[in-house]
Amino acid sequence: MHRFLLLSLFIFCSCGTTYKVSDIQQEKRLNQVISNPYFNKVNKEYAYRFKITFMKKEMKGNFVVKKIDKTTHRAVMISDFGNTLFDLSIFNNEYTLHYAMPDLNKKVVVKTLAEDLQTIFQNDFEVNQHYITKDNLILKSENISLVYPKNKSFFFTELIHLKKNKIKTMNQFEVDKTDFPKNILIKHNHFNLSIELIKVNTELE
């Protein structure tokens, strides 16, 4: 069931799409630290259904994340058969693997998943560019671009992970003005992999 992730995952081209902000109406330089409004309450548990899609193949299950302290999130993925797939502690720039199912315990697989989660769990983002476009407010650095609905500057709806100004991942958030997004879609730009997280335990809010 999981072997598609081992046989062909991460066989990808090194090229990427250059990131460019279009329809700019106003821009300025700034140095600012932006707090991540999501997954930021210590000891709160956030539960989702997950769907991983790669090359028209899918894997589904349950995803639970809990912020353990100011710098650490613990994330667990469990299959629909009740098997733990991954158990990771995520920090801003590193991670600890507690467990991975043997078929999935490959360095490139674990590292890619950890980096995806590091991006959306990161506590703060340093930005140095400010753009206003026709529809959005965009705060950007060399590594990330935060996209907000225009004139609404707290809950971003896109977090674009950049590397040398090439798009690495597009992270889209369906939000309801809480720290618990309704839906998150992580899409890799340089190979056909996406991870969708769909909120399930609204009663915990």
C-alpha atoms as a PDB file:
ATOM      1  CA  MET A   1       0.000   0.000   0.000  1.00  0.00           C
ATOM      2  CA  HIS A   2       2.799   2.404   0.859  1.00  0.00           C
ATOM      3  CA  ARG A   3       5.367   1.210  -1.655  1.00  0.00           C
ATOM      4  CA  PHE A   4       4.530   3.858  -4.219  1.00  0.00           C
ATOM      5  CA  LEU A   5       6.141   6.329  -1.841  1.00  0.00           C
ATOM      6  CA  LEU A   6       9.322   4.267  -1.860  1.00  0.00           C
ATOM      7  CA  LEU A   7       9.501   3.239  -5.478  1.00  0.00           C
ATOM      8  CA  SER A   8       8.975   6.583  -7.093  1.00  0.00           C
ATOM      9  CA  LEU A   9       8.658   9.317  -4.472  1.00  0.00           C
ATOM     10  CA  PHE A  10      11.328  11.962  -4.751  1.00  0.00           C
ATOM     11  CA  ILE A  11      12.376  11.004  -8.269  1.00  0.00           C
ATOM     12  CA  PHE A  12      11.990  14.518  -9.521  1.00  0.00           C
ATOM     13  CA  CYS A  13      13.597  17.159 -11.691  1.00  0.00           C
ATOM     14  CA  SER A  14      15.696  19.840 -10.046  1.00  0.00           C
ATOM     15  CA  CYS A  15      14.160  22.704 -11.962  1.00  0.00           C
ATOM     16  CA  GLY A  16      11.572  24.949 -10.370  1.00  0.00           C
ATOM     17  CA  THR A  17       9.280  27.849 -11.121  1.00  0.00           C
ATOM     18  CA  THR A  18      10.620  31.300 -10.339  1.00  0.00           C
ATOM     19  CA  TYR A  19       8.404  33.158  -7.884  1.00  0.00           C
ATOM     20  CA  LYS A  20       7.196  36.562  -9.017  1.00  0.00           C
ATOM     21  CA  VAL A  21       4.633  38.910  -7.507  1.00  0.00           C
ATOM     22  CA  SER A  22       2.356  40.319 -10.196  1.00  0.00           C
ATOM     23  CA  ASP A  23      -0.096  43.237 -10.338  1.00  0.00           C
ATOM     24  CA  ILE A  24       1.879  45.207  -7.748  1.00  0.00           C
ATOM     25  CA  GLN A  25       0.179  48.427  -6.700  1.00  0.00           C
ATOM     26  CA  GLN A  26       2.522  49.310  -3.851  1.00  0.00           C
ATOM     27  CA  GLU A  27       5.789  47.937  -2.502  1.00  0.00           C
ATOM     28  CA  LYS A  28       8.297  48.784   0.195  1.00  0.00           C
ATOM     29  CA  ARG A  29      11.212  47.328   2.102  1.00  0.00           C
ATOM     30  CA  LEU A  30      10.822  46.477   5.764  1.00  0.00           C
ATOM     31  CA  ASN A  31      12.288  44.260   8.456  1.00  0.00           C
ATOM     32  CA  GLN A  32       9.561  42.585  10.423  1.00  0.00           C
ATOM     33  CA  VAL A  33       8.926  39.366  12.360  1.00  0.00           C
ATOM     34  CA  ILE A  34       5.509  37.807  11.709  1.00  0.00           C
ATOM     35  CA  SER A  35       4.033  35.339  14.193  1.00  0.00           C
ATOM     36  CA  ASN A  36       2.438  32.218  12.789  1.00  0.00           C
ATOM     37  CA  PRO A  37      -1.249  32.336  13.829  1.00  0.00           C
ATOM     38  CA  TYR A  38      -1.727  28.570  13.360  1.00  0.00           C
ATOM     39  CA  PHE A  39      -0.974  25.639  15.702  1.00  0.00           C
ATOM     40  CA  ASN A  40       0.370  28.042  18.299  1.00  0.00           C
ATOM     41  CA  LYS A  41      -1.343  27.002  21.554  1.00  0.00           C
ATOM     42  CA  VAL A  42       0.825  24.861  23.829  1.00  0.00           C
ATOM     43  CA  ASN A  43      -0.762  21.512  24.829  1.00  0.00           C
ATOM     44  CA  LYS A  44      -3.631  21.891  22.356  1.00  0.00           C
ATOM     45  CA  GLU A  45      -4.256  18.891  20.107  1.00  0.00           C
ATOM     46  CA  TYR A  46      -5.210  19.434  16.458  1.00  0.00           C
ATOM     47  CA  ALA A  47      -6.667  16.481  14.558  1.00  0.00           C
ATOM     48  CA  TYR A  48      -7.095  16.054  10.805  1.00  0.00           C
ATOM     49  CA  ARG A  49      -7.796  13.510   8.151  1.00  0.00           C
ATOM     50  CA  PHE A  50      -4.884  13.343   5.735  1.00  0.00           C
ATOM     51  CA  LYS A  51      -4.678  12.376   2.086  1.00  0.00           C
ATOM     52  CA  ILE A  52      -1.313  11.990   0.370  1.00  0.00           C
ATOM     53  CA  THR A  53      -1.501  11.965  -3.419  1.00  0.00           C
ATOM     54  CA  PHE A  54       1.430  10.972  -5.607  1.00  0.00           C
ATOM     55  CA  MET A  55       1.251  10.025  -9.301  1.00  0.00           C
ATOM     56  CA  LYS A  56      -2.523   9.373  -9.093  1.00  0.00           C
ATOM     57  CA  LYS A  57      -2.050   7.077  -6.080  1.00  0.00           C
ATOM     58  CA  GLU A  58      -3.476   7.931  -2.659  1.00  0.00           C
ATOM     59  CA  MET A  59      -2.897   7.097   0.975  1.00  0.00           C
ATOM     60  CA  LYS A  60      -5.350   8.205   3.683  1.00  0.00           C
ATOM     61  CA  GLY A  61      -5.491   8.220   7.440  1.00  0.00           C
ATOM     62  CA  ASN A  62      -5.483  10.377  10.558  1.00  0.00           C
ATOM     63  CA  PHE A  63      -3.037  13.142  11.416  1.00  0.00           C
ATOM     64  CA  VAL A  64      -2.648  14.597  14.902  1.00  0.00           C
ATOM     65  CA  VAL A  65      -0.358  17.439  15.933  1.00  0.00           C
ATOM     66  CA  LYS A  66       0.222  18.932  19.372  1.00  0.00           C
ATOM     67  CA  LYS A  67       2.390  21.871  20.339  1.00  0.00           C
ATOM     68  CA  ILE A  68       4.516  20.511  23.188  1.00  0.00           C
ATOM     69  CA  ASP A  69       6.298  23.728  24.138  1.00  0.00           C
ATOM     70  CA  LYS A  70       7.218  27.085  22.610  1.00  0.00           C
ATOM     71  CA  THR A  71       9.481  25.564  19.964  1.00  0.00           C
ATOM     72  CA  THR A  72       8.285  21.970  19.450  1.00  0.00           C
ATOM     73  CA  HIS A  73       5.356  20.275  17.698  1.00  0.00           C
ATOM     74  CA  ARG A  74       4.732  16.519  17.888  1.00  0.00           C
ATOM     75  CA  ALA A  75       3.058  15.094  14.771  1.00  0.00           C
ATOM     76  CA  VAL A  76       1.728  11.569  14.194  1.00  0.00           C
ATOM     77  CA  MET A  77       0.277   9.993  11.046  1.00  0.00           C
ATOM     78  CA  ILE A  78      -1.827   6.827  11.435  1.00  0.00           C
ATOM     79  CA  SER A  79      -3.206   4.764   8.565  1.00  0.00           C
ATOM     80  CA  ASP A  80      -6.860   3.757   8.265  1.00  0.00           C
ATOM     81  CA  PHE A  81      -5.718   0.277   9.339  1.00  0.00           C
ATOM     82  CA  GLY A  82      -4.508   1.694  12.668  1.00  0.00           C
ATOM     83  CA  ASN A  83      -0.795   1.489  11.900  1.00  0.00           C
ATOM     84  CA  THR A  84       1.504   4.358  12.882  1.00  0.00           C
ATOM     85  CA  LEU A  85       3.188   5.629   9.733  1.00  0.00           C
ATOM     86  CA  PHE A  86       5.236   8.495  11.174  1.00  0.00           C
ATOM     87  CA  ASP A  87       5.853   9.978  14.602  1.00  0.00           C
ATOM     88  CA  LEU A  88       7.964  13.142  14.521  1.00  0.00           C
ATOM     89  CA  SER A  89       8.962  16.021  16.748  1.00  0.00           C
ATOM     90  CA  ILE A  90       9.290  19.166  14.654  1.00  0.00           C
ATOM     91  CA  PHE A  91      11.450  22.171  15.508  1.00  0.00           C
ATOM     92  CA  ASN A  92      12.050  25.302  13.428  1.00  0.00           C
ATOM     93  CA  ASN A  93      15.197  23.986  11.753  1.00  0.00           C
ATOM     94  CA  GLU A  94      15.431  20.335  12.713  1.00  0.00           C
ATOM     95  CA  TYR A  95      13.372  17.293  13.617  1.00  0.00           C
ATOM     96  CA  THR A  96      13.510  14.077  15.624  1.00  0.00           C
ATOM     97  CA  LEU A  97      12.087  10.861  14.207  1.00  0.00           C
ATOM     98  CA  HIS A  98      10.496   8.742  16.932  1.00  0.00           C
ATOM     99  CA  TYR A  99       9.099   6.105  14.586  1.00  0.00           C
ATOM    100  CA  ALA A 100       8.476   5.424  10.920  1.00  0.00           C
ATOM    101  CA  MET A 101       6.874   2.324   9.428  1.00  0.00           C
ATOM    102  CA  PRO A 102       9.752   0.227   8.017  1.00  0.00           C
ATOM    103  CA  ASP A 103       8.539   0.560   4.408  1.00  0.00           C
ATOM    104  CA  LEU A 104       8.559   4.353   4.807  1.00  0.00           C
ATOM    105  CA  ASN A 105      11.655   4.737   6.948  1.00  0.00           C
ATOM    106  CA  LYS A 106      13.843   6.195   4.201  1.00  0.00           C
ATOM    107  CA  LYS A 107      15.865   9.327   4.861  1.00  0.00           C
ATOM    108  CA  VAL A 108      14.588  11.242   1.827  1.00  0.00           C
ATOM    109  CA  VAL A 109      10.943  10.426   2.649  1.00  0.00           C
ATOM    110  CA  VAL A 110      11.210  11.387   6.313  1.00  0.00           C
ATOM    111  CA  LYS A 111      13.220  14.531   5.546  1.00  0.00           C
ATOM    112  CA  THR A 112      10.723  15.766   2.954  1.00  0.00           C
ATOM    113  CA  LEU A 113       7.749  15.212   5.270  1.00  0.00           C
ATOM    114  CA  ALA A 114       9.595  16.901   8.150  1.00  0.00           C
ATOM    115  CA  GLU A 115      10.477  19.918   6.007  1.00  0.00           C
ATOM    116  CA  ASP A 116       6.861  20.239   4.854  1.00  0.00           C
ATOM    117  CA  LEU A 117       5.683  20.262   8.467  1.00  0.00           C
ATOM    118  CA  GLN A 118       8.457  22.601   9.608  1.00  0.00           C
ATOM    119  CA  THR A 119       7.211  25.148   7.082  1.00  0.00           C
ATOM    120  CA  ILE A 120       3.615  25.226   8.321  1.00  0.00           C
ATOM    121  CA  PHE A 121       4.490  24.885  12.042  1.00  0.00           C
ATOM    122  CA  GLN A 122       7.236  27.514  12.072  1.00  0.00           C
ATOM    123  CA  ASN A 123       6.660  29.926  14.958  1.00  0.00           C
ATOM    124  CA  ASP A 124       7.847  33.135  13.318  1.00  0.00           C
ATOM    125  CA  PHE A 125       8.735  34.403   9.863  1.00  0.00           C
ATOM    126  CA  GLU A 126      11.243  37.148   9.160  1.00  0.00           C
ATOM    127  CA  VAL A 127      10.186  39.235   6.166  1.00  0.00           C
ATOM    128  CA  ASN A 128      11.803  42.188   4.425  1.00  0.00           C
ATOM    129  CA  GLN A 129       9.470  43.001   1.531  1.00  0.00           C
ATOM    130  CA  HIS A 130       5.891  44.281   1.578  1.00  0.00           C
ATOM    131  CA  TYR A 131       3.625  44.228  -1.479  1.00  0.00           C
ATOM    132  CA  ILE A 132       0.061  45.267  -2.082  1.00  0.00           C
ATOM    133  CA  THR A 133      -1.553  43.842  -5.201  1.00  0.00           C
ATOM    134  CA  LYS A 134      -5.048  44.097  -6.591  1.00  0.00           C
ATOM    135  CA  ASP A 135      -6.345  41.343  -4.291  1.00  0.00           C
ATOM    136  CA  ASN A 136      -3.675  40.595  -1.709  1.00  0.00           C
ATOM    137  CA  LEU A 137      -1.181  41.766   0.850  1.00  0.00           C
ATOM    138  CA  ILE A 138       2.102  39.863   0.496  1.00  0.00           C
ATOM    139  CA  LEU A 139       4.962  39.734   2.995  1.00  0.00           C
ATOM    140  CA  LYS A 140       8.104  38.159   1.611  1.00  0.00           C
ATOM    141  CA  SER A 141      11.693  37.143   2.325  1.00  0.00           C
ATOM    142  CA  GLU A 142      14.189  34.978   0.418  1.00  0.00           C
ATOM    143  CA  ASN A 143      12.649  31.850   1.925  1.00  0.00           C
ATOM    144  CA  ILE A 144       8.934  32.461   2.261  1.00  0.00           C
ATOM    145  CA  SER A 145       6.028  34.477   0.933  1.00  0.00           C
ATOM    146  CA  LEU A 146       2.954  35.018   3.100  1.00  0.00           C
ATOM    147  CA  VAL A 147      -0.209  35.886   1.174  1.00  0.00           C
ATOM    148  CA  TYR A 148      -3.157  37.544   2.933  1.00  0.00           C
ATOM    149  CA  PRO A 149      -6.511  38.737   1.655  1.00  0.00           C
ATOM    150  CA  LYS A 150      -6.151  42.457   1.022  1.00  0.00           C
ATOM    151  CA  ASN A 151      -6.621  44.597   4.166  1.00  0.00           C
ATOM    152  CA  LYS A 152      -6.764  41.480   6.371  1.00  0.00           C
ATOM    153  CA  SER A 153      -3.341  41.040   7.855  1.00  0.00           C
ATOM    154  CA  PHE A 154      -3.388  38.299  10.503  1.00  0.00           C
ATOM    155  CA  PHE A 155      -4.464  34.943   9.020  1.00  0.00           C
ATOM    156  CA  PHE A 156      -2.533  34.225   5.830  1.00  0.00           C
ATOM    157  CA  THR A 157      -4.146  31.985   3.219  1.00  0.00           C
ATOM    158  CA  GLU A 158      -0.964  30.971   1.409  1.00  0.00           C
ATOM    159  CA  LEU A 159       2.533  30.240   2.656  1.00  0.00           C
ATOM    160  CA  ILE A 160       4.922  29.756  -0.242  1.00  0.00           C
ATOM    161  CA  HIS A 161       8.223  28.079   0.622  1.00  0.00           C
ATOM    162  CA  LEU A 162      11.028  29.378  -1.588  1.00  0.00           C
ATOM    163  CA  LYS A 163      14.574  28.275  -2.323  1.00  0.00           C
ATOM    164  CA  LYS A 164      16.730  30.727  -4.293  1.00  0.00           C
ATOM    165  CA  ASN A 165      13.445  32.403  -5.279  1.00  0.00           C
ATOM    166  CA  LYS A 166      12.178  29.158  -6.814  1.00  0.00           C
ATOM    167  CA  ILE A 167       8.887  27.758  -5.525  1.00  0.00           C
ATOM    168  CA  LYS A 168       9.499  24.664  -3.409  1.00  0.00           C
ATOM    169  CA  THR A 169       6.028  24.174  -1.922  1.00  0.00           C
ATOM    170  CA  MET A 170       2.703  25.988  -2.068  1.00  0.00           C
ATOM    171  CA  ASN A 171       0.836  25.754   1.239  1.00  0.00           C
ATOM    172  CA  GLN A 172      -2.795  26.855   1.051  1.00  0.00           C
ATOM    173  CA  PHE A 173      -4.978  27.412   4.120  1.00  0.00           C
ATOM    174  CA  GLU A 174      -8.754  27.523   4.369  1.00  0.00           C
ATOM    175  CA  VAL A 175      -9.238  29.516   7.544  1.00  0.00           C
ATOM    176  CA  ASP A 176     -11.985  30.503   9.984  1.00  0.00           C
ATOM    177  CA  LYS A 177     -10.037  33.110  12.001  1.00  0.00           C
ATOM    178  CA  THR A 178      -8.775  30.601  14.585  1.00  0.00           C
ATOM    179  CA  ASP A 179      -5.421  28.886  15.135  1.00  0.00           C
ATOM    180  CA  PHE A 180      -6.997  25.676  13.758  1.00  0.00           C
ATOM    181  CA  PRO A 181      -7.254  25.865   9.918  1.00  0.00           C
ATOM    182  CA  LYS A 182     -10.187  24.026   8.334  1.00  0.00           C
ATOM    183  CA  ASN A 183      -8.122  22.677   5.473  1.00  0.00           C
ATOM    184  CA  ILE A 184      -4.453  22.749   4.476  1.00  0.00           C
ATOM    185  CA  LEU A 185      -3.104  21.757   1.080  1.00  0.00           C
ATOM    186  CA  ILE A 186       0.650  21.234   0.681  1.00  0.00           C
ATOM    187  CA  LYS A 187       1.698  21.023  -2.977  1.00  0.00           C
ATOM    188  CA  HIS A 188       5.233  20.383  -4.163  1.00  0.00           C
ATOM    189  CA  ASN A 189       6.223  22.370  -7.185  1.00  0.00           C
ATOM    190  CA  HIS A 190       9.025  20.172  -8.538  1.00  0.00           C
ATOM    191  CA  PHE A 191       7.298  16.783  -8.356  1.00  0.00           C
ATOM    192  CA  ASN A 192       3.729  15.555  -8.268  1.00  0.00           C
ATOM    193  CA  LEU A 193       3.151  15.230  -4.533  1.00  0.00           C
ATOM    194  CA  SER A 194       0.418  16.817  -2.435  1.00  0.00           C
ATOM    195  CA  ILE A 195      -0.709  16.426   1.164  1.00  0.00           C
ATOM    196  CA  GLU A 196      -4.201  17.502   2.168  1.00  0.00           C
ATOM    197  CA  LEU A 197      -5.210  17.945   5.812  1.00  0.00           C
ATOM    198  CA  ILE A 198      -8.927  18.222   6.612  1.00  0.00           C
ATOM    199  CA  LYS A 199      -9.998  19.291  10.093  1.00  0.00           C
ATOM    200  CA  VAL A 200     -12.064  16.760  12.051  1.00  0.00           C
ATOM    201  CA  ASN A 201     -12.305  17.704  15.759  1.00  0.00           C
ATOM    202  CA  THR A 202     -14.045  21.070  15.768  1.00  0.00           C
ATOM    203  CA  GLU A 203     -15.401  20.384  19.267  1.00  0.00           C
ATOM    204  CA  LEU A 204     -11.960  21.103  20.753  1.00  0.00           C
ATOM    205  CA  GLU A 205     -12.121  24.793  19.863  1.00  0.00           C
END
